[in-house]
Amino acid sequence: MEDMALLHHWSIVTSQSVGLPADVASLWQTVFPQLGFKSPYVMHSILSLAALHLAYLNQADRQSYVLSAARHHNKSLVGFQEAIDQFGTSDSIALFVNSTLVFQYAFRYRTSITSSK
């Protein structure tokens, strides 16, 4: 159920908070999760970002969300590496999207979590 709550938060809040124009944010809101259903490592990246966003928003549950984010991020990286090792043209979009999400994890939300302690 935790993962479903994270996906819901992604769809309703996190994907809209990236600061992109509405047409691009809608890609984050709908297309990225659809891609995640086909490429689990993308879904794990989505869930990791949603958990970090919740950690940023909820001081009381911060540690729990940060641990959840790290767990999903690690799963994402394992799947991402496997996908790179088995690279095919059909995987290129998922690899690009996941690279974008990993960048967000590393620089956008992670920085805000560590700097606001």
PDB file of N, CA and C in Angstrom:
ATOM      1  N   MET A   1       0.820  -1.198   0.000  1.00  0.00           N
ATOM      2  CA  MET A   1       0.000   0.000   0.000  1.00  0.00           C
ATOM      3  C   MET A   1       0.868   1.268   0.000  1.00  0.00           C
ATOM      4  N   GLU A   2       2.040   1.171   0.617  1.00  0.00           N
ATOM      5  CA  GLU A   2       2.923   2.340   0.650  1.00  0.00           C
ATOM      6  C   GLU A   2       3.284   2.786  -0.769  1.00  0.00           C
ATOM      7  N   ASP A   3       3.587   1.817  -1.635  1.00  0.00           N
ATOM      8  CA  ASP A   3       3.952   2.169  -3.007  1.00  0.00           C
ATOM      9  C   ASP A   3       2.788   2.822  -3.746  1.00  0.00           C
ATOM     10  N   MET A   4       1.581   2.354  -3.475  1.00  0.00           N
ATOM     11  CA  MET A   4       0.416   2.973  -4.108  1.00  0.00           C
ATOM     12  C   MET A   4       0.248   4.415  -3.631  1.00  0.00           C
ATOM     13  N   ALA A   5       0.485   4.644  -2.347  1.00  0.00           N
ATOM     14  CA  ALA A   5       0.400   6.006  -1.811  1.00  0.00           C
ATOM     15  C   ALA A   5       1.478   6.895  -2.436  1.00  0.00           C
ATOM     16  N   LEU A   6       2.662   6.349  -2.639  1.00  0.00           N
ATOM     17  CA  LEU A   6       3.736   7.115  -3.276  1.00  0.00           C
ATOM     18  C   LEU A   6       3.374   7.450  -4.722  1.00  0.00           C
ATOM     19  N   LEU A   7       2.826   6.479  -5.442  1.00  0.00           N
ATOM     20  CA  LEU A   7       2.437   6.733  -6.826  1.00  0.00           C
ATOM     21  C   LEU A   7       1.326   7.784  -6.894  1.00  0.00           C
ATOM     22  N   HIS A   8       0.391   7.714  -5.971  1.00  0.00           N
ATOM     23  CA  HIS A   8      -0.675   8.719  -5.914  1.00  0.00           C
ATOM     24  C   HIS A   8      -0.082  10.106  -5.658  1.00  0.00           C
ATOM     25  N   HIS A   9       0.844  10.190  -4.714  1.00  0.00           N
ATOM     26  CA  HIS A   9       1.483  11.482  -4.426  1.00  0.00           C
ATOM     27  C   HIS A   9       2.226  11.986  -5.658  1.00  0.00           C
ATOM     28  N   TRP A  10       2.911  11.080  -6.355  1.00  0.00           N
ATOM     29  CA  TRP A  10       3.610  11.468  -7.587  1.00  0.00           C
ATOM     30  C   TRP A  10       2.626  12.084  -8.580  1.00  0.00           C
ATOM     31  N   SER A  11       1.515  11.386  -8.800  1.00  0.00           N
ATOM     32  CA  SER A  11       0.549  11.815  -9.816  1.00  0.00           C
ATOM     33  C   SER A  11      -0.124  13.133  -9.483  1.00  0.00           C
ATOM     34  N   ILE A  12      -0.426  13.326  -8.213  1.00  0.00           N
ATOM     35  CA  ILE A  12      -1.189  14.505  -7.812  1.00  0.00           C
ATOM     36  C   ILE A  12      -0.298  15.699  -7.459  1.00  0.00           C
ATOM     37  N   VAL A  13       0.853  15.447  -6.828  1.00  0.00           N
ATOM     38  CA  VAL A  13       1.647  16.552  -6.276  1.00  0.00           C
ATOM     39  C   VAL A  13       3.044  16.654  -6.893  1.00  0.00           C
ATOM     40  N   THR A  14       3.855  15.615  -6.738  1.00  0.00           N
ATOM     41  CA  THR A  14       5.264  15.710  -7.122  1.00  0.00           C
ATOM     42  C   THR A  14       5.445  16.041  -8.594  1.00  0.00           C
ATOM     43  N   SER A  15       4.731  15.353  -9.468  1.00  0.00           N
ATOM     44  CA  SER A  15       4.892  15.586 -10.909  1.00  0.00           C
ATOM     45  C   SER A  15       4.517  17.009 -11.294  1.00  0.00           C
ATOM     46  N   GLN A  16       3.668  17.635 -10.513  1.00  0.00           N
ATOM     47  CA  GLN A  16       3.234  19.003 -10.800  1.00  0.00           C
ATOM     48  C   GLN A  16       4.147  20.053 -10.154  1.00  0.00           C
ATOM     49  N   SER A  17       5.036  19.609  -9.269  1.00  0.00           N
ATOM     50  CA  SER A  17       5.893  20.550  -8.544  1.00  0.00           C
ATOM     51  C   SER A  17       7.274  20.714  -9.165  1.00  0.00           C
ATOM     52  N   VAL A  18       7.486  20.117 -10.316  1.00  0.00           N
ATOM     53  CA  VAL A  18       8.796  20.153 -10.951  1.00  0.00           C
ATOM     54  C   VAL A  18       9.100  21.523 -11.527  1.00  0.00           C
ATOM     55  N   GLY A  19       8.088  22.350 -11.702  1.00  0.00           N
ATOM     56  CA  GLY A  19       8.303  23.703 -12.197  1.00  0.00           C
ATOM     57  C   GLY A  19       8.373  23.791 -13.707  1.00  0.00           C
ATOM     58  N   LEU A  20       7.704  22.874 -14.385  1.00  0.00           N
ATOM     59  CA  LEU A  20       7.691  22.859 -15.843  1.00  0.00           C
ATOM     60  C   LEU A  20       6.361  23.398 -16.357  1.00  0.00           C
ATOM     61  N   PRO A  21       6.322  23.819 -17.610  1.00  0.00           N
ATOM     62  CA  PRO A  21       5.036  24.230 -18.196  1.00  0.00           C
ATOM     63  C   PRO A  21       4.026  23.084 -18.103  1.00  0.00           C
ATOM     64  N   ALA A  22       2.759  23.418 -18.083  1.00  0.00           N
ATOM     65  CA  ALA A  22       1.696  22.432 -17.866  1.00  0.00           C
ATOM     66  C   ALA A  22       1.742  21.282 -18.860  1.00  0.00           C
ATOM     67  N   ASP A  23       2.033  21.548 -20.129  1.00  0.00           N
ATOM     68  CA  ASP A  23       2.041  20.465 -21.110  1.00  0.00           C
ATOM     69  C   ASP A  23       3.184  19.478 -20.850  1.00  0.00           C
ATOM     70  N   VAL A  24       4.315  19.974 -20.380  1.00  0.00           N
ATOM     71  CA  VAL A  24       5.440  19.091 -20.056  1.00  0.00           C
ATOM     72  C   VAL A  24       5.186  18.379 -18.732  1.00  0.00           C
ATOM     73  N   ALA A  25       4.635  19.090 -17.754  1.00  0.00           N
ATOM     74  CA  ALA A  25       4.324  18.473 -16.463  1.00  0.00           C
ATOM     75  C   ALA A  25       3.335  17.337 -16.629  1.00  0.00           C
ATOM     76  N   SER A  26       2.437  17.443 -17.601  1.00  0.00           N
ATOM     77  CA  SER A  26       1.481  16.357 -17.825  1.00  0.00           C
ATOM     78  C   SER A  26       2.180  15.088 -18.305  1.00  0.00           C
ATOM     79  N   LEU A  27       3.302  15.235 -18.993  1.00  0.00           N
ATOM     80  CA  LEU A  27       4.102  14.052 -19.360  1.00  0.00           C
ATOM     81  C   LEU A  27       4.614  13.358 -18.100  1.00  0.00           C
ATOM     82  N   TRP A  28       5.111  14.150 -17.162  1.00  0.00           N
ATOM     83  CA  TRP A  28       5.607  13.607 -15.904  1.00  0.00           C
ATOM     84  C   TRP A  28       4.475  12.933 -15.137  1.00  0.00           C
ATOM     85  N   GLN A  29       3.287  13.518 -15.224  1.00  0.00           N
ATOM     86  CA  GLN A  29       2.143  13.022 -14.458  1.00  0.00           C
ATOM     87  C   GLN A  29       1.576  11.733 -15.037  1.00  0.00           C
ATOM     88  N   THR A  30       1.526  11.600 -16.345  1.00  0.00           N
ATOM     89  CA  THR A  30       0.849  10.448 -16.942  1.00  0.00           C
ATOM     90  C   THR A  30       1.769   9.520 -17.733  1.00  0.00           C
ATOM     91  N   VAL A  31       2.599  10.086 -18.586  1.00  0.00           N
ATOM     92  CA  VAL A  31       3.428   9.256 -19.467  1.00  0.00           C
ATOM     93  C   VAL A  31       4.522   8.528 -18.686  1.00  0.00           C
ATOM     94  N   PHE A  32       5.175   9.218 -17.764  1.00  0.00           N
ATOM     95  CA  PHE A  32       6.240   8.570 -16.995  1.00  0.00           C
ATOM     96  C   PHE A  32       5.716   7.366 -16.206  1.00  0.00           C
ATOM     97  N   PRO A  33       4.598   7.491 -15.488  1.00  0.00           N
ATOM     98  CA  PRO A  33       4.076   6.296 -14.799  1.00  0.00           C
ATOM     99  C   PRO A  33       3.690   5.170 -15.765  1.00  0.00           C
ATOM    100  N   GLN A  34       3.112   5.517 -16.915  1.00  0.00           N
ATOM    101  CA  GLN A  34       2.784   4.476 -17.891  1.00  0.00           C
ATOM    102  C   GLN A  34       4.031   3.746 -18.348  1.00  0.00           C
ATOM    103  N   LEU A  35       5.104   4.482 -18.551  1.00  0.00           N
ATOM    104  CA  LEU A  35       6.380   3.874 -18.909  1.00  0.00           C
ATOM    105  C   LEU A  35       6.904   3.023 -17.755  1.00  0.00           C
ATOM    106  N   GLY A  36       6.663   3.482 -16.535  1.00  0.00           N
ATOM    107  CA  GLY A  36       7.084   2.733 -15.348  1.00  0.00           C
ATOM    108  C   GLY A  36       6.387   1.388 -15.221  1.00  0.00           C
ATOM    109  N   PHE A  37       5.161   1.274 -15.731  1.00  0.00           N
ATOM    110  CA  PHE A  37       4.466  -0.007 -15.693  1.00  0.00           C
ATOM    111  C   PHE A  37       5.133  -1.020 -16.624  1.00  0.00           C
ATOM    112  N   LYS A  38       5.847  -0.537 -17.637  1.00  0.00           N
ATOM    113  CA  LYS A  38       6.553  -1.416 -18.570  1.00  0.00           C
ATOM    114  C   LYS A  38       8.011  -1.632 -18.173  1.00  0.00           C
ATOM    115  N   SER A  39       8.578  -0.660 -17.492  1.00  0.00           N
ATOM    116  CA  SER A  39       9.990  -0.709 -17.077  1.00  0.00           C
ATOM    117  C   SER A  39      10.049  -0.441 -15.583  1.00  0.00           C
ATOM    118  N   PRO A  40      10.093  -1.490 -14.770  1.00  0.00           N
ATOM    119  CA  PRO A  40      10.027  -1.310 -13.317  1.00  0.00           C
ATOM    120  C   PRO A  40      11.083  -0.374 -12.746  1.00  0.00           C
ATOM    121  N   TYR A  41      12.253  -0.299 -13.358  1.00  0.00           N
ATOM    122  CA  TYR A  41      13.264   0.609 -12.818  1.00  0.00           C
ATOM    123  C   TYR A  41      12.811   2.063 -12.930  1.00  0.00           C
ATOM    124  N   VAL A  42      12.030   2.390 -13.948  1.00  0.00           N
ATOM    125  CA  VAL A  42      11.468   3.739 -14.059  1.00  0.00           C
ATOM    126  C   VAL A  42      10.464   3.976 -12.923  1.00  0.00           C
ATOM    127  N   MET A  43       9.638   2.968 -12.660  1.00  0.00           N
ATOM    128  CA  MET A  43       8.661   3.103 -11.572  1.00  0.00           C
ATOM    129  C   MET A  43       9.368   3.302 -10.238  1.00  0.00           C
ATOM    130  N   HIS A  44      10.455   2.564 -10.013  1.00  0.00           N
ATOM    131  CA  HIS A  44      11.193   2.743  -8.761  1.00  0.00           C
ATOM    132  C   HIS A  44      11.775   4.159  -8.662  1.00  0.00           C
ATOM    133  N   SER A  45      12.207   4.730  -9.769  1.00  0.00           N
ATOM    134  CA  SER A  45      12.690   6.122  -9.740  1.00  0.00           C
ATOM    135  C   SER A  45      11.564   7.078  -9.400  1.00  0.00           C
ATOM    136  N   ILE A  46      10.401   6.848  -9.981  1.00  0.00           N
ATOM    137  CA  ILE A  46       9.235   7.684  -9.677  1.00  0.00           C
ATOM    138  C   ILE A  46       8.904   7.602  -8.185  1.00  0.00           C
ATOM    139  N   LEU A  47       8.865   6.387  -7.664  1.00  0.00           N
ATOM    140  CA  LEU A  47       8.529   6.202  -6.251  1.00  0.00           C
ATOM    141  C   LEU A  47       9.589   6.811  -5.342  1.00  0.00           C
ATOM    142  N   SER A  48      10.847   6.748  -5.753  1.00  0.00           N
ATOM    143  CA  SER A  48      11.910   7.346  -4.928  1.00  0.00           C
ATOM    144  C   SER A  48      11.755   8.863  -4.863  1.00  0.00           C
ATOM    145  N   LEU A  49      11.412   9.485  -5.978  1.00  0.00           N
ATOM    146  CA  LEU A  49      11.218  10.932  -5.971  1.00  0.00           C
ATOM    147  C   LEU A  49       9.992  11.340  -5.166  1.00  0.00           C
ATOM    148  N   ALA A  50       8.931  10.564  -5.277  1.00  0.00           N
ATOM    149  CA  ALA A  50       7.732  10.865  -4.491  1.00  0.00           C
ATOM    150  C   ALA A  50       8.031  10.755  -2.999  1.00  0.00           C
ATOM    151  N   ALA A  51       8.793   9.739  -2.617  1.00  0.00           N
ATOM    152  CA  ALA A  51       9.149   9.570  -1.203  1.00  0.00           C
ATOM    153  C   ALA A  51      10.026  10.718  -0.720  1.00  0.00           C
ATOM    154  N   LEU A  52      10.984  11.149  -1.535  1.00  0.00           N
ATOM    155  CA  LEU A  52      11.817  12.294  -1.140  1.00  0.00           C
ATOM    156  C   LEU A  52      10.982  13.565  -1.022  1.00  0.00           C
ATOM    157  N   HIS A  53      10.039  13.723  -1.922  1.00  0.00           N
ATOM    158  CA  HIS A  53       9.181  14.898  -1.853  1.00  0.00           C
ATOM    159  C   HIS A  53       8.354  14.879  -0.571  1.00  0.00           C
ATOM    160  N   LEU A  54       7.835  13.717  -0.226  1.00  0.00           N
ATOM    161  CA  LEU A  54       7.088  13.596   1.030  1.00  0.00           C
ATOM    162  C   LEU A  54       7.992  13.828   2.242  1.00  0.00           C
ATOM    163  N   ALA A  55       9.226  13.381   2.168  1.00  0.00           N
ATOM    164  CA  ALA A  55      10.176  13.624   3.261  1.00  0.00           C
ATOM    165  C   ALA A  55      10.402  15.125   3.438  1.00  0.00           C
ATOM    166  N   TYR A  56      10.477  15.826   2.340  1.00  0.00           N
ATOM    167  CA  TYR A  56      10.652  17.270   2.379  1.00  0.00           C
ATOM    168  C   TYR A  56       9.427  17.963   2.985  1.00  0.00           C
ATOM    169  N   LEU A  57       8.250  17.462   2.658  1.00  0.00           N
ATOM    170  CA  LEU A  57       7.006  18.087   3.118  1.00  0.00           C
ATOM    171  C   LEU A  57       6.618  17.709   4.543  1.00  0.00           C
ATOM    172  N   ASN A  58       7.006  16.504   4.994  1.00  0.00           N
ATOM    173  CA  ASN A  58       6.563  15.984   6.294  1.00  0.00           C
ATOM    174  C   ASN A  58       7.746  15.761   7.227  1.00  0.00           C
ATOM    175  N   GLN A  59       8.047  16.755   8.023  1.00  0.00           N
ATOM    176  CA  GLN A  59       9.177  16.670   8.940  1.00  0.00           C
ATOM    177  C   GLN A  59       9.069  15.491   9.906  1.00  0.00           C
ATOM    178  N   ALA A  60       7.867  15.222  10.386  1.00  0.00           N
ATOM    179  CA  ALA A  60       7.679  14.178  11.395  1.00  0.00           C
ATOM    180  C   ALA A  60       8.004  12.787  10.852  1.00  0.00           C
ATOM    181  N   ASP A  61       7.747  12.546   9.586  1.00  0.00           N
ATOM    182  CA  ASP A  61       7.984  11.232   8.977  1.00  0.00           C
ATOM    183  C   ASP A  61       9.176  11.236   8.028  1.00  0.00           C
ATOM    184  N   ARG A  62      10.014  12.239   8.151  1.00  0.00           N
ATOM    185  CA  ARG A  62      11.122  12.417   7.215  1.00  0.00           C
ATOM    186  C   ARG A  62      11.995  11.163   7.084  1.00  0.00           C
ATOM    187  N   GLN A  63      12.439  10.604   8.187  1.00  0.00           N
ATOM    188  CA  GLN A  63      13.376   9.475   8.118  1.00  0.00           C
ATOM    189  C   GLN A  63      12.754   8.277   7.410  1.00  0.00           C
ATOM    190  N   SER A  64      11.512   7.993   7.700  1.00  0.00           N
ATOM    191  CA  SER A  64      10.831   6.876   7.056  1.00  0.00           C
ATOM    192  C   SER A  64      10.759   7.070   5.543  1.00  0.00           C
ATOM    193  N   TYR A  65      10.425   8.289   5.116  1.00  0.00           N
ATOM    194  CA  TYR A  65      10.336   8.566   3.681  1.00  0.00           C
ATOM    195  C   TYR A  65      11.708   8.560   3.009  1.00  0.00           C
ATOM    196  N   VAL A  66      12.721   9.059   3.686  1.00  0.00           N
ATOM    197  CA  VAL A  66      14.070   9.049   3.124  1.00  0.00           C
ATOM    198  C   VAL A  66      14.547   7.602   2.937  1.00  0.00           C
ATOM    199  N   LEU A  67      14.257   6.743   3.909  1.00  0.00           N
ATOM    200  CA  LEU A  67      14.630   5.327   3.770  1.00  0.00           C
ATOM    201  C   LEU A  67      13.879   4.673   2.614  1.00  0.00           C
ATOM    202  N   SER A  68      12.615   4.980   2.477  1.00  0.00           N
ATOM    203  CA  SER A  68      11.832   4.452   1.364  1.00  0.00           C
ATOM    204  C   SER A  68      12.387   4.946   0.033  1.00  0.00           C
ATOM    205  N   ALA A  69      12.739   6.219  -0.017  1.00  0.00           N
ATOM    206  CA  ALA A  69      13.323   6.789  -1.235  1.00  0.00           C
ATOM    207  C   ALA A  69      14.628   6.086  -1.595  1.00  0.00           C
ATOM    208  N   ALA A  70      15.474   5.856  -0.614  1.00  0.00           N
ATOM    209  CA  ALA A  70      16.754   5.189  -0.861  1.00  0.00           C
ATOM    210  C   ALA A  70      16.542   3.762  -1.348  1.00  0.00           C
ATOM    211  N   ARG A  71      15.581   3.070  -0.754  1.00  0.00           N
ATOM    212  CA  ARG A  71      15.294   1.692  -1.167  1.00  0.00           C
ATOM    213  C   ARG A  71      14.838   1.659  -2.626  1.00  0.00           C
ATOM    214  N   HIS A  72      13.921   2.539  -2.985  1.00  0.00           N
ATOM    215  CA  HIS A  72      13.443   2.568  -4.373  1.00  0.00           C
ATOM    216  C   HIS A  72      14.533   3.036  -5.332  1.00  0.00           C
ATOM    217  N   HIS A  73      15.333   3.985  -4.905  1.00  0.00           N
ATOM    218  CA  HIS A  73      16.419   4.471  -5.753  1.00  0.00           C
ATOM    219  C   HIS A  73      17.418   3.347  -6.038  1.00  0.00           C
ATOM    220  N   ASN A  74      17.766   2.591  -5.024  1.00  0.00           N
ATOM    221  CA  ASN A  74      18.695   1.473  -5.222  1.00  0.00           C
ATOM    222  C   ASN A  74      18.128   0.439  -6.180  1.00  0.00           C
ATOM    223  N   LYS A  75      16.841   0.103  -6.037  1.00  0.00           N
ATOM    224  CA  LYS A  75      16.202  -0.846  -6.958  1.00  0.00           C
ATOM    225  C   LYS A  75      16.198  -0.287  -8.379  1.00  0.00           C
ATOM    226  N   SER A  76      15.977   1.004  -8.488  1.00  0.00           N
ATOM    227  CA  SER A  76      15.988   1.632  -9.800  1.00  0.00           C
ATOM    228  C   SER A  76      17.360   1.522 -10.459  1.00  0.00           C
ATOM    229  N   LEU A  77      18.393   1.780  -9.691  1.00  0.00           N
ATOM    230  CA  LEU A  77      19.744   1.727 -10.256  1.00  0.00           C
ATOM    231  C   LEU A  77      20.129   0.323 -10.708  1.00  0.00           C
ATOM    232  N   VAL A  78      19.711  -0.686  -9.954  1.00  0.00           N
ATOM    233  CA  VAL A  78      19.991  -2.076 -10.351  1.00  0.00           C
ATOM    234  C   VAL A  78      19.293  -2.385 -11.676  1.00  0.00           C
ATOM    235  N   GLY A  79      18.009  -2.056 -11.779  1.00  0.00           N
ATOM    236  CA  GLY A  79      17.275  -2.299 -13.016  1.00  0.00           C
ATOM    237  C   GLY A  79      17.788  -1.469 -14.179  1.00  0.00           C
ATOM    238  N   PHE A  80      18.185  -0.250 -13.890  1.00  0.00           N
ATOM    239  CA  PHE A  80      18.742   0.645 -14.897  1.00  0.00           C
ATOM    240  C   PHE A  80      20.024   0.058 -15.475  1.00  0.00           C
ATOM    241  N   GLN A  81      20.893  -0.434 -14.604  1.00  0.00           N
ATOM    242  CA  GLN A  81      22.145  -1.044 -15.066  1.00  0.00           C
ATOM    243  C   GLN A  81      21.870  -2.279 -15.916  1.00  0.00           C
ATOM    244  N   GLU A  82      20.916  -3.098 -15.495  1.00  0.00           N
ATOM    245  CA  GLU A  82      20.553  -4.286 -16.281  1.00  0.00           C
ATOM    246  C   GLU A  82      20.018  -3.887 -17.653  1.00  0.00           C
ATOM    247  N   ALA A  83      19.219  -2.833 -17.702  1.00  0.00           N
ATOM    248  CA  ALA A  83      18.676  -2.364 -18.976  1.00  0.00           C
ATOM    249  C   ALA A  83      19.777  -1.825 -19.882  1.00  0.00           C
ATOM    250  N   ILE A  84      20.746  -1.148 -19.303  1.00  0.00           N
ATOM    251  CA  ILE A  84      21.877  -0.656 -20.099  1.00  0.00           C
ATOM    252  C   ILE A  84      22.664  -1.830 -20.661  1.00  0.00           C
ATOM    253  N   ASP A  85      22.876  -2.849 -19.841  1.00  0.00           N
ATOM    254  CA  ASP A  85      23.620  -4.030 -20.291  1.00  0.00           C
ATOM    255  C   ASP A  85      22.916  -4.765 -21.430  1.00  0.00           C
ATOM    256  N   GLN A  86      21.585  -4.682 -21.466  1.00  0.00           N
ATOM    257  CA  GLN A  86      20.799  -5.372 -22.490  1.00  0.00           C
ATOM    258  C   GLN A  86      20.170  -4.369 -23.457  1.00  0.00           C
ATOM    259  N   PHE A  87      20.847  -3.279 -23.691  1.00  0.00           N
ATOM    260  CA  PHE A  87      20.289  -2.157 -24.448  1.00  0.00           C
ATOM    261  C   PHE A  87      19.766  -2.584 -25.812  1.00  0.00           C
ATOM    262  N   GLY A  88      18.560  -2.102 -26.105  1.00  0.00           N
ATOM    263  CA  GLY A  88      17.938  -2.250 -27.417  1.00  0.00           C
ATOM    264  C   GLY A  88      17.228  -0.950 -27.732  1.00  0.00           C
ATOM    265  N   THR A  89      16.886  -0.739 -28.976  1.00  0.00           N
ATOM    266  CA  THR A  89      16.271   0.530 -29.362  1.00  0.00           C
ATOM    267  C   THR A  89      14.935   0.763 -28.672  1.00  0.00           C
ATOM    268  N   SER A  90      14.216  -0.304 -28.321  1.00  0.00           N
ATOM    269  CA  SER A  90      12.919  -0.130 -27.658  1.00  0.00           C
ATOM    270  C   SER A  90      13.079   0.389 -26.232  1.00  0.00           C
ATOM    271  N   ASP A  91      14.265   0.270 -25.656  1.00  0.00           N
ATOM    272  CA  ASP A  91      14.507   0.709 -24.288  1.00  0.00           C
ATOM    273  C   ASP A  91      15.002   2.146 -24.190  1.00  0.00           C
ATOM    274  N   SER A  92      15.270   2.777 -25.314  1.00  0.00           N
ATOM    275  CA  SER A  92      15.923   4.085 -25.277  1.00  0.00           C
ATOM    276  C   SER A  92      15.091   5.146 -24.562  1.00  0.00           C
ATOM    277  N   ILE A  93      13.793   5.144 -24.737  1.00  0.00           N
ATOM    278  CA  ILE A  93      12.949   6.145 -24.066  1.00  0.00           C
ATOM    279  C   ILE A  93      12.963   5.920 -22.561  1.00  0.00           C
ATOM    280  N   ALA A  94      12.813   4.663 -22.140  1.00  0.00           N
ATOM    281  CA  ALA A  94      12.836   4.359 -20.703  1.00  0.00           C
ATOM    282  C   ALA A  94      14.184   4.731 -20.100  1.00  0.00           C
ATOM    283  N   LEU A  95      15.261   4.459 -20.802  1.00  0.00           N
ATOM    284  CA  LEU A  95      16.587   4.813 -20.296  1.00  0.00           C
ATOM    285  C   LEU A  95      16.742   6.326 -20.169  1.00  0.00           C
ATOM    286  N   PHE A  96      16.250   7.059 -21.160  1.00  0.00           N
ATOM    287  CA  PHE A  96      16.328   8.520 -21.096  1.00  0.00           C
ATOM    288  C   PHE A  96      15.493   9.071 -19.943  1.00  0.00           C
ATOM    289  N   VAL A  97      14.263   8.586 -19.823  1.00  0.00           N
ATOM    290  CA  VAL A  97      13.383   9.047 -18.745  1.00  0.00           C
ATOM    291  C   VAL A  97      14.005   8.742 -17.390  1.00  0.00           C
ATOM    292  N   ASN A  98      14.532   7.536 -17.241  1.00  0.00           N
ATOM    293  CA  ASN A  98      15.128   7.181 -15.953  1.00  0.00           C
ATOM    294  C   ASN A  98      16.355   8.036 -15.660  1.00  0.00           C
ATOM    295  N   SER A  99      17.133   8.348 -16.673  1.00  0.00           N
ATOM    296  CA  SER A  99      18.282   9.239 -16.465  1.00  0.00           C
ATOM    297  C   SER A  99      17.820  10.591 -15.944  1.00  0.00           C
ATOM    298  N   THR A 100      16.733  11.096 -16.493  1.00  0.00           N
ATOM    299  CA  THR A 100      16.169  12.366 -16.045  1.00  0.00           C
ATOM    300  C   THR A 100      15.711  12.279 -14.593  1.00  0.00           C
ATOM    301  N   LEU A 101      15.055  11.179 -14.250  1.00  0.00           N
ATOM    302  CA  LEU A 101      14.564  11.004 -12.886  1.00  0.00           C
ATOM    303  C   LEU A 101      15.710  10.828 -11.886  1.00  0.00           C
ATOM    304  N   VAL A 102      16.743  10.093 -12.279  1.00  0.00           N
ATOM    305  CA  VAL A 102      17.905   9.912 -11.395  1.00  0.00           C
ATOM    306  C   VAL A 102      18.589  11.254 -11.161  1.00  0.00           C
ATOM    307  N   PHE A 103      18.674  12.065 -12.194  1.00  0.00           N
ATOM    308  CA  PHE A 103      19.237  13.404 -12.044  1.00  0.00           C
ATOM    309  C   PHE A 103      18.435  14.206 -11.022  1.00  0.00           C
ATOM    310  N   GLN A 104      17.108  14.150 -11.143  1.00  0.00           N
ATOM    311  CA  GLN A 104      16.249  14.854 -10.198  1.00  0.00           C
ATOM    312  C   GLN A 104      16.494  14.363  -8.775  1.00  0.00           C
ATOM    313  N   TYR A 105      16.602  13.048  -8.619  1.00  0.00           N
ATOM    314  CA  TYR A 105      16.844  12.464  -7.292  1.00  0.00           C
ATOM    315  C   TYR A 105      18.152  12.998  -6.716  1.00  0.00           C
ATOM    316  N   ALA A 106      19.186  12.973  -7.531  1.00  0.00           N
ATOM    317  CA  ALA A 106      20.521  13.335  -7.049  1.00  0.00           C
ATOM    318  C   ALA A 106      20.661  14.820  -6.732  1.00  0.00           C
ATOM    319  N   PHE A 107      20.033  15.674  -7.501  1.00  0.00           N
ATOM    320  CA  PHE A 107      20.311  17.097  -7.364  1.00  0.00           C
ATOM    321  C   PHE A 107      19.155  17.939  -6.843  1.00  0.00           C
ATOM    322  N   ARG A 108      17.965  17.655  -7.243  1.00  0.00           N
ATOM    323  CA  ARG A 108      16.861  18.532  -6.870  1.00  0.00           C
ATOM    324  C   ARG A 108      16.340  18.255  -5.472  1.00  0.00           C
ATOM    325  N   TYR A 109      15.779  17.076  -5.272  1.00  0.00           N
ATOM    326  CA  TYR A 109      15.136  16.789  -3.995  1.00  0.00           C
ATOM    327  C   TYR A 109      16.140  16.382  -2.934  1.00  0.00           C
ATOM    328  N   ARG A 110      17.128  15.614  -3.299  1.00  0.00           N
ATOM    329  CA  ARG A 110      18.099  15.152  -2.314  1.00  0.00           C
ATOM    330  C   ARG A 110      18.812  16.342  -1.676  1.00  0.00           C
ATOM    331  N   THR A 111      19.152  17.322  -2.478  1.00  0.00           N
ATOM    332  CA  THR A 111      19.807  18.524  -1.971  1.00  0.00           C
ATOM    333  C   THR A 111      18.893  19.273  -1.003  1.00  0.00           C
ATOM    334  N   SER A 112      17.618  19.360  -1.338  1.00  0.00           N
ATOM    335  CA  SER A 112      16.697  20.092  -0.458  1.00  0.00           C
ATOM    336  C   SER A 112      16.478  19.362   0.858  1.00  0.00           C
ATOM    337  N   ILE A 113      16.554  18.039   0.851  1.00  0.00           N
ATOM    338  CA  ILE A 113      16.389  17.248   2.075  1.00  0.00           C
ATOM    339  C   ILE A 113      17.594  17.461   3.000  1.00  0.00           C
ATOM    340  N   THR A 114      18.791  17.346   2.440  1.00  0.00           N
ATOM    341  CA  THR A 114      19.977  17.444   3.270  1.00  0.00           C
ATOM    342  C   THR A 114      20.256  18.868   3.728  1.00  0.00           C
ATOM    343  N   SER A 115      19.866  19.845   2.924  1.00  0.00           N
ATOM    344  CA  SER A 115      20.163  21.229   3.317  1.00  0.00           C
ATOM    345  C   SER A 115      19.153  21.796   4.301  1.00  0.00           C
ATOM    346  N   SER A 116      17.982  21.152   4.447  1.00  0.00           N
ATOM    347  CA  SER A 116      16.967  21.709   5.341  1.00  0.00           C
ATOM    348  C   SER A 116      16.980  21.066   6.715  1.00  0.00           C
ATOM    349  N   LYS A 117      17.980  20.254   7.016  1.00  0.00           N
ATOM    350  CA  LYS A 117      18.064  19.621   8.340  1.00  0.00           C
ATOM    351  C   LYS A 117      18.481  20.611   9.387  1.00  0.00           C
TER     352      LYS A 117
END
